[in-house]
């Protein structure tokens, strides 16, 4: 199990909803960023950093605080890329899209279409009137997109398509939490 892939999607939704609701729980994202940068896991650090930048942009905070948080996110993302990953790539995890393409270009195109469609699912809520829901939707979609994009520049597990349940479980837990937000009175009416 890749703990980051299981936990981060729900954490992104929770942090975005809480930050938009004027809670300061976005600080927990800073701790997660630091841990991912130290691990190293450049893929997940970049995905979380991208989501965190959305959370920072939409959270009600002062300009200096917003700037410091953004600089920290970008620095942690950059630092995570400077650290070597000690794990060797596995063809059916990191190279699954190439394997699908070699099997059949149609299979490769279908795999990419389904993958992009799945990580875009949270955007259904991006036009919500509730700022917490809107922030969480955009942040989760961006997290998913960056999880996919990093596989094109490094040997990282392809989410949802590669072997393993971590990203499947994690993304859908995040989508489930996002879908539950409108039913929670605190988030549905957050300012």
C-alpha atoms as a PDB file:
ATOM      1  CA  UNK A   1       0.000   0.000   0.000  1.00  0.00           C
ATOM      2  CA  UNK A   2       1.139   3.509  -0.807  1.00  0.00           C
ATOM      3  CA  UNK A   3      -0.020   5.397   2.281  1.00  0.00           C
ATOM      4  CA  UNK A   4       0.178   8.794   0.569  1.00  0.00           C
ATOM      5  CA  UNK A   5      -2.110   7.684  -2.278  1.00  0.00           C
ATOM      6  CA  UNK A   6      -4.660   6.331   0.205  1.00  0.00           C
ATOM      7  CA  UNK A   7      -4.714   9.263   2.646  1.00  0.00           C
ATOM      8  CA  UNK A   8      -3.973  12.404   0.613  1.00  0.00           C
ATOM      9  CA  UNK A   9      -7.149  12.668  -1.509  1.00  0.00           C
ATOM     10  CA  UNK A  10      -9.366  12.743   1.603  1.00  0.00           C
ATOM     11  CA  UNK A  11      -6.890  15.036   3.347  1.00  0.00           C
ATOM     12  CA  UNK A  12      -7.011  17.442   0.390  1.00  0.00           C
ATOM     13  CA  UNK A  13     -10.817  17.551   0.524  1.00  0.00           C
ATOM     14  CA  UNK A  14     -10.854  18.020   4.305  1.00  0.00           C
ATOM     15  CA  UNK A  15      -8.159  20.720   4.295  1.00  0.00           C
ATOM     16  CA  UNK A  16      -9.817  22.616   1.439  1.00  0.00           C
ATOM     17  CA  UNK A  17     -13.221  22.499   3.115  1.00  0.00           C
ATOM     18  CA  UNK A  18     -11.821  23.565   6.469  1.00  0.00           C
ATOM     19  CA  UNK A  19      -9.638  26.328   5.010  1.00  0.00           C
ATOM     20  CA  UNK A  20     -12.566  27.759   3.044  1.00  0.00           C
ATOM     21  CA  UNK A  21     -14.592  27.651   6.245  1.00  0.00           C
ATOM     22  CA  UNK A  22     -12.020  29.911   7.945  1.00  0.00           C
ATOM     23  CA  UNK A  23     -10.496  27.100   9.988  1.00  0.00           C
ATOM     24  CA  UNK A  24      -6.706  27.042   9.892  1.00  0.00           C
ATOM     25  CA  UNK A  25      -6.341  23.329   9.295  1.00  0.00           C
ATOM     26  CA  UNK A  26      -4.532  24.043   6.017  1.00  0.00           C
ATOM     27  CA  UNK A  27      -1.427  24.004   8.231  1.00  0.00           C
ATOM     28  CA  UNK A  28      -1.748  20.209   8.297  1.00  0.00           C
ATOM     29  CA  UNK A  29      -1.051  20.297   4.556  1.00  0.00           C
ATOM     30  CA  UNK A  30       2.294  21.951   5.338  1.00  0.00           C
ATOM     31  CA  UNK A  31       3.190  19.059   7.615  1.00  0.00           C
ATOM     32  CA  UNK A  32       2.187  16.532   4.955  1.00  0.00           C
ATOM     33  CA  UNK A  33       4.233  18.429   2.337  1.00  0.00           C
ATOM     34  CA  UNK A  34       7.296  18.343   4.570  1.00  0.00           C
ATOM     35  CA  UNK A  35       6.904  14.606   5.199  1.00  0.00           C
ATOM     36  CA  UNK A  36       6.485  13.857   1.485  1.00  0.00           C
ATOM     37  CA  UNK A  37       9.510  15.973   0.604  1.00  0.00           C
ATOM     38  CA  UNK A  38      11.607  14.069   3.152  1.00  0.00           C
ATOM     39  CA  UNK A  39      10.310  10.601   2.147  1.00  0.00           C
ATOM     40  CA  UNK A  40      11.004  11.274  -0.926  1.00  0.00           C
ATOM     41  CA  UNK A  41       7.844  11.015  -3.026  1.00  0.00           C
ATOM     42  CA  UNK A  42       8.041  13.715  -5.660  1.00  0.00           C
ATOM     43  CA  UNK A  43       4.858  12.550  -7.364  1.00  0.00           C
ATOM     44  CA  UNK A  44       2.676  12.824  -4.285  1.00  0.00           C
ATOM     45  CA  UNK A  45       4.495  15.930  -3.008  1.00  0.00           C
ATOM     46  CA  UNK A  46       3.806  17.635  -6.346  1.00  0.00           C
ATOM     47  CA  UNK A  47       0.176  16.522  -6.392  1.00  0.00           C
ATOM     48  CA  UNK A  48      -0.381  17.694  -2.828  1.00  0.00           C
ATOM     49  CA  UNK A  49       1.529  20.923  -3.514  1.00  0.00           C
ATOM     50  CA  UNK A  50      -0.669  21.718  -6.519  1.00  0.00           C
ATOM     51  CA  UNK A  51      -3.818  21.048  -4.487  1.00  0.00           C
ATOM     52  CA  UNK A  52      -2.429  23.055  -1.606  1.00  0.00           C
ATOM     53  CA  UNK A  53      -1.830  26.057  -3.877  1.00  0.00           C
ATOM     54  CA  UNK A  54      -5.540  25.991  -4.743  1.00  0.00           C
ATOM     55  CA  UNK A  55      -6.432  25.735  -1.059  1.00  0.00           C
ATOM     56  CA  UNK A  56      -4.139  28.682  -0.261  1.00  0.00           C
ATOM     57  CA  UNK A  57      -5.554  30.769  -3.100  1.00  0.00           C
ATOM     58  CA  UNK A  58      -9.149  30.221  -1.977  1.00  0.00           C
ATOM     59  CA  UNK A  59      -8.644  30.350   1.797  1.00  0.00           C
ATOM     60  CA  UNK A  60      -9.447  33.558   3.650  1.00  0.00           C
ATOM     61  CA  UNK A  61      -5.993  34.607   4.854  1.00  0.00           C
ATOM     62  CA  UNK A  62      -3.719  37.622   4.715  1.00  0.00           C
ATOM     63  CA  UNK A  63      -1.400  38.302   1.813  1.00  0.00           C
ATOM     64  CA  UNK A  64       1.812  37.663   3.773  1.00  0.00           C
ATOM     65  CA  UNK A  65       0.482  34.399   5.166  1.00  0.00           C
ATOM     66  CA  UNK A  66      -0.742  33.329   1.706  1.00  0.00           C
ATOM     67  CA  UNK A  67       2.629  34.186   0.162  1.00  0.00           C
ATOM     68  CA  UNK A  68       4.606  32.318   2.825  1.00  0.00           C
ATOM     69  CA  UNK A  69       2.380  29.245   2.475  1.00  0.00           C
ATOM     70  CA  UNK A  70       2.712  29.297  -1.325  1.00  0.00           C
ATOM     71  CA  UNK A  71       6.498  29.672  -1.170  1.00  0.00           C
ATOM     72  CA  UNK A  72       6.689  26.760   1.265  1.00  0.00           C
ATOM     73  CA  UNK A  73       4.527  24.577  -1.016  1.00  0.00           C
ATOM     74  CA  UNK A  74       6.625  25.327  -4.092  1.00  0.00           C
ATOM     75  CA  UNK A  75       9.906  24.857  -2.169  1.00  0.00           C
ATOM     76  CA  UNK A  76       8.758  21.494  -0.772  1.00  0.00           C
ATOM     77  CA  UNK A  77       7.694  20.373  -4.256  1.00  0.00           C
ATOM     78  CA  UNK A  78      11.044  21.404  -5.731  1.00  0.00           C
ATOM     79  CA  UNK A  79      13.024  19.786  -2.924  1.00  0.00           C
ATOM     80  CA  UNK A  80      11.166  16.492  -3.350  1.00  0.00           C
ATOM     81  CA  UNK A  81      12.325  16.373  -6.994  1.00  0.00           C
ATOM     82  CA  UNK A  82      15.953  16.795  -5.954  1.00  0.00           C
ATOM     83  CA  UNK A  83      15.918  13.633  -3.839  1.00  0.00           C
ATOM     84  CA  UNK A  84      16.474  10.296  -5.575  1.00  0.00           C
ATOM     85  CA  UNK A  85      13.770   7.641  -5.280  1.00  0.00           C
ATOM     86  CA  UNK A  86      15.438   4.397  -4.149  1.00  0.00           C
ATOM     87  CA  UNK A  87      12.714   2.161  -5.642  1.00  0.00           C
ATOM     88  CA  UNK A  88      13.170   0.690  -9.114  1.00  0.00           C
ATOM     89  CA  UNK A  89      10.278   1.122 -11.572  1.00  0.00           C
ATOM     90  CA  UNK A  90       7.985  -1.837 -12.299  1.00  0.00           C
ATOM     91  CA  UNK A  91       6.510  -2.197 -15.801  1.00  0.00           C
ATOM     92  CA  UNK A  92       2.913  -2.886 -14.753  1.00  0.00           C
ATOM     93  CA  UNK A  93       2.924  -0.041 -12.216  1.00  0.00           C
ATOM     94  CA  UNK A  94       4.943   2.864 -13.616  1.00  0.00           C
ATOM     95  CA  UNK A  95       4.913   1.712 -17.258  1.00  0.00           C
ATOM     96  CA  UNK A  96       1.336   0.512 -17.571  1.00  0.00           C
ATOM     97  CA  UNK A  97       0.326   3.136 -20.141  1.00  0.00           C
ATOM     98  CA  UNK A  98       3.178   2.142 -22.435  1.00  0.00           C
ATOM     99  CA  UNK A  99       2.217  -1.526 -22.011  1.00  0.00           C
ATOM    100  CA  UNK A 100      -1.391  -0.689 -22.935  1.00  0.00           C
ATOM    101  CA  UNK A 101      -0.235   1.250 -26.003  1.00  0.00           C
ATOM    102  CA  UNK A 102       1.994  -1.638 -27.126  1.00  0.00           C
ATOM    103  CA  UNK A 103      -0.904  -4.052 -26.666  1.00  0.00           C
ATOM    104  CA  UNK A 104      -3.125  -1.843 -28.819  1.00  0.00           C
ATOM    105  CA  UNK A 105      -3.145   1.880 -29.542  1.00  0.00           C
ATOM    106  CA  UNK A 106      -6.909   1.755 -28.913  1.00  0.00           C
ATOM    107  CA  UNK A 107      -6.256   0.304 -25.436  1.00  0.00           C
ATOM    108  CA  UNK A 108      -3.733   3.076 -24.776  1.00  0.00           C
ATOM    109  CA  UNK A 109      -6.157   5.795 -25.875  1.00  0.00           C
ATOM    110  CA  UNK A 110      -8.966   4.251 -23.822  1.00  0.00           C
ATOM    111  CA  UNK A 111      -6.730   4.002 -20.743  1.00  0.00           C
ATOM    112  CA  UNK A 112      -5.780   7.690 -21.016  1.00  0.00           C
ATOM    113  CA  UNK A 113      -9.388   8.774 -21.609  1.00  0.00           C
ATOM    114  CA  UNK A 114     -10.684   6.834 -18.611  1.00  0.00           C
ATOM    115  CA  UNK A 115      -7.816   8.039 -16.411  1.00  0.00           C
ATOM    116  CA  UNK A 116      -8.303  11.725 -17.246  1.00  0.00           C
ATOM    117  CA  UNK A 117     -12.072  11.356 -16.901  1.00  0.00           C
ATOM    118  CA  UNK A 118     -11.745   9.735 -13.486  1.00  0.00           C
ATOM    119  CA  UNK A 119      -9.404  12.347 -12.021  1.00  0.00           C
ATOM    120  CA  UNK A 120     -11.670  15.085 -13.431  1.00  0.00           C
ATOM    121  CA  UNK A 121     -14.757  13.688 -11.662  1.00  0.00           C
ATOM    122  CA  UNK A 122     -14.482  16.076  -8.678  1.00  0.00           C
ATOM    123  CA  UNK A 123     -14.982  19.047 -11.014  1.00  0.00           C
ATOM    124  CA  UNK A 124     -18.694  18.223 -11.027  1.00  0.00           C
ATOM    125  CA  UNK A 125     -18.816  20.220  -7.787  1.00  0.00           C
ATOM    126  CA  UNK A 126     -16.587  23.088  -8.978  1.00  0.00           C
ATOM    127  CA  UNK A 127     -19.559  25.368  -9.701  1.00  0.00           C
ATOM    128  CA  UNK A 128     -21.106  24.906  -6.285  1.00  0.00           C
ATOM    129  CA  UNK A 129     -22.278  27.994  -4.441  1.00  0.00           C
ATOM    130  CA  UNK A 130     -20.582  26.730  -1.274  1.00  0.00           C
ATOM    131  CA  UNK A 131     -16.959  27.968  -1.260  1.00  0.00           C
ATOM    132  CA  UNK A 132     -15.831  24.962   0.796  1.00  0.00           C
ATOM    133  CA  UNK A 133     -17.227  22.508  -1.736  1.00  0.00           C
ATOM    134  CA  UNK A 134     -15.874  24.464  -4.698  1.00  0.00           C
ATOM    135  CA  UNK A 135     -12.379  24.671  -3.185  1.00  0.00           C
ATOM    136  CA  UNK A 136     -12.371  20.984  -2.280  1.00  0.00           C
ATOM    137  CA  UNK A 137     -13.531  19.967  -5.773  1.00  0.00           C
ATOM    138  CA  UNK A 138     -10.875  21.967  -7.598  1.00  0.00           C
ATOM    139  CA  UNK A 139      -8.132  20.938  -5.166  1.00  0.00           C
ATOM    140  CA  UNK A 140      -8.984  17.228  -5.468  1.00  0.00           C
ATOM    141  CA  UNK A 141      -9.143  17.372  -9.268  1.00  0.00           C
ATOM    142  CA  UNK A 142      -5.793  19.148  -9.387  1.00  0.00           C
ATOM    143  CA  UNK A 143      -4.302  16.583  -6.985  1.00  0.00           C
ATOM    144  CA  UNK A 144      -5.469  13.812  -9.327  1.00  0.00           C
ATOM    145  CA  UNK A 145      -4.231  15.582 -12.443  1.00  0.00           C
ATOM    146  CA  UNK A 146      -0.769  16.154 -10.949  1.00  0.00           C
ATOM    147  CA  UNK A 147      -0.645  12.519  -9.812  1.00  0.00           C
ATOM    148  CA  UNK A 148      -1.137  11.611 -13.475  1.00  0.00           C
ATOM    149  CA  UNK A 149       1.178  14.250 -14.971  1.00  0.00           C
ATOM    150  CA  UNK A 150       4.136  13.331 -12.774  1.00  0.00           C
ATOM    151  CA  UNK A 151       4.098   9.838 -14.299  1.00  0.00           C
ATOM    152  CA  UNK A 152       5.096  11.435 -17.609  1.00  0.00           C
ATOM    153  CA  UNK A 153       8.273  12.977 -16.184  1.00  0.00           C
ATOM    154  CA  UNK A 154       9.392  10.322 -13.729  1.00  0.00           C
ATOM    155  CA  UNK A 155       9.016   6.682 -12.757  1.00  0.00           C
ATOM    156  CA  UNK A 156       5.924   7.004 -10.539  1.00  0.00           C
ATOM    157  CA  UNK A 157       2.919   4.718 -10.177  1.00  0.00           C
ATOM    158  CA  UNK A 158       0.176   5.545 -12.666  1.00  0.00           C
ATOM    159  CA  UNK A 159      -2.909   6.177 -10.519  1.00  0.00           C
ATOM    160  CA  UNK A 160      -6.052   4.102 -11.063  1.00  0.00           C
ATOM    161  CA  UNK A 161      -4.594   2.166 -14.005  1.00  0.00           C
ATOM    162  CA  UNK A 162      -1.324   0.751 -12.642  1.00  0.00           C
ATOM    163  CA  UNK A 163      -1.191  -2.291 -10.439  1.00  0.00           C
ATOM    164  CA  UNK A 164      -2.207  -1.677  -6.843  1.00  0.00           C
ATOM    165  CA  UNK A 165      -5.275  -0.512  -4.966  1.00  0.00           C
ATOM    166  CA  UNK A 166      -3.847   2.511  -3.144  1.00  0.00           C
ATOM    167  CA  UNK A 167      -4.759   5.175  -5.683  1.00  0.00           C
ATOM    168  CA  UNK A 168      -8.137   3.598  -6.430  1.00  0.00           C
ATOM    169  CA  UNK A 169      -9.081   3.433  -2.775  1.00  0.00           C
ATOM    170  CA  UNK A 170      -7.662   6.879  -2.004  1.00  0.00           C
ATOM    171  CA  UNK A 171      -9.198   8.797  -4.905  1.00  0.00           C
ATOM    172  CA  UNK A 172     -12.642   7.342  -4.402  1.00  0.00           C
ATOM    173  CA  UNK A 173     -12.487   7.957  -0.644  1.00  0.00           C
ATOM    174  CA  UNK A 174     -11.697  11.576  -1.505  1.00  0.00           C
ATOM    175  CA  UNK A 175     -14.560  11.726  -4.028  1.00  0.00           C
ATOM    176  CA  UNK A 176     -16.868  10.149  -1.438  1.00  0.00           C
ATOM    177  CA  UNK A 177     -15.925  12.762   1.154  1.00  0.00           C
ATOM    178  CA  UNK A 178     -16.433  15.478  -1.445  1.00  0.00           C
ATOM    179  CA  UNK A 179     -19.891  14.084  -2.287  1.00  0.00           C
ATOM    180  CA  UNK A 180     -20.781  14.017   1.433  1.00  0.00           C
ATOM    181  CA  UNK A 181     -19.890  17.689   2.023  1.00  0.00           C
ATOM    182  CA  UNK A 182     -23.174  19.132   0.721  1.00  0.00           C
ATOM    183  CA  UNK A 183     -25.049  16.953   3.194  1.00  0.00           C
ATOM    184  CA  UNK A 184     -23.013  18.240   6.125  1.00  0.00           C
ATOM    185  CA  UNK A 185     -24.658  21.451   7.406  1.00  0.00           C
ATOM    186  CA  UNK A 186     -21.354  23.057   8.414  1.00  0.00           C
ATOM    187  CA  UNK A 187     -19.850  22.805   4.907  1.00  0.00           C
ATOM    188  CA  UNK A 188     -22.934  23.420   2.824  1.00  0.00           C
ATOM    189  CA  UNK A 189     -23.429  26.860   4.332  1.00  0.00           C
ATOM    190  CA  UNK A 190     -19.809  27.869   4.888  1.00  0.00           C
ATOM    191  CA  UNK A 191     -19.084  31.518   4.037  1.00  0.00           C
END
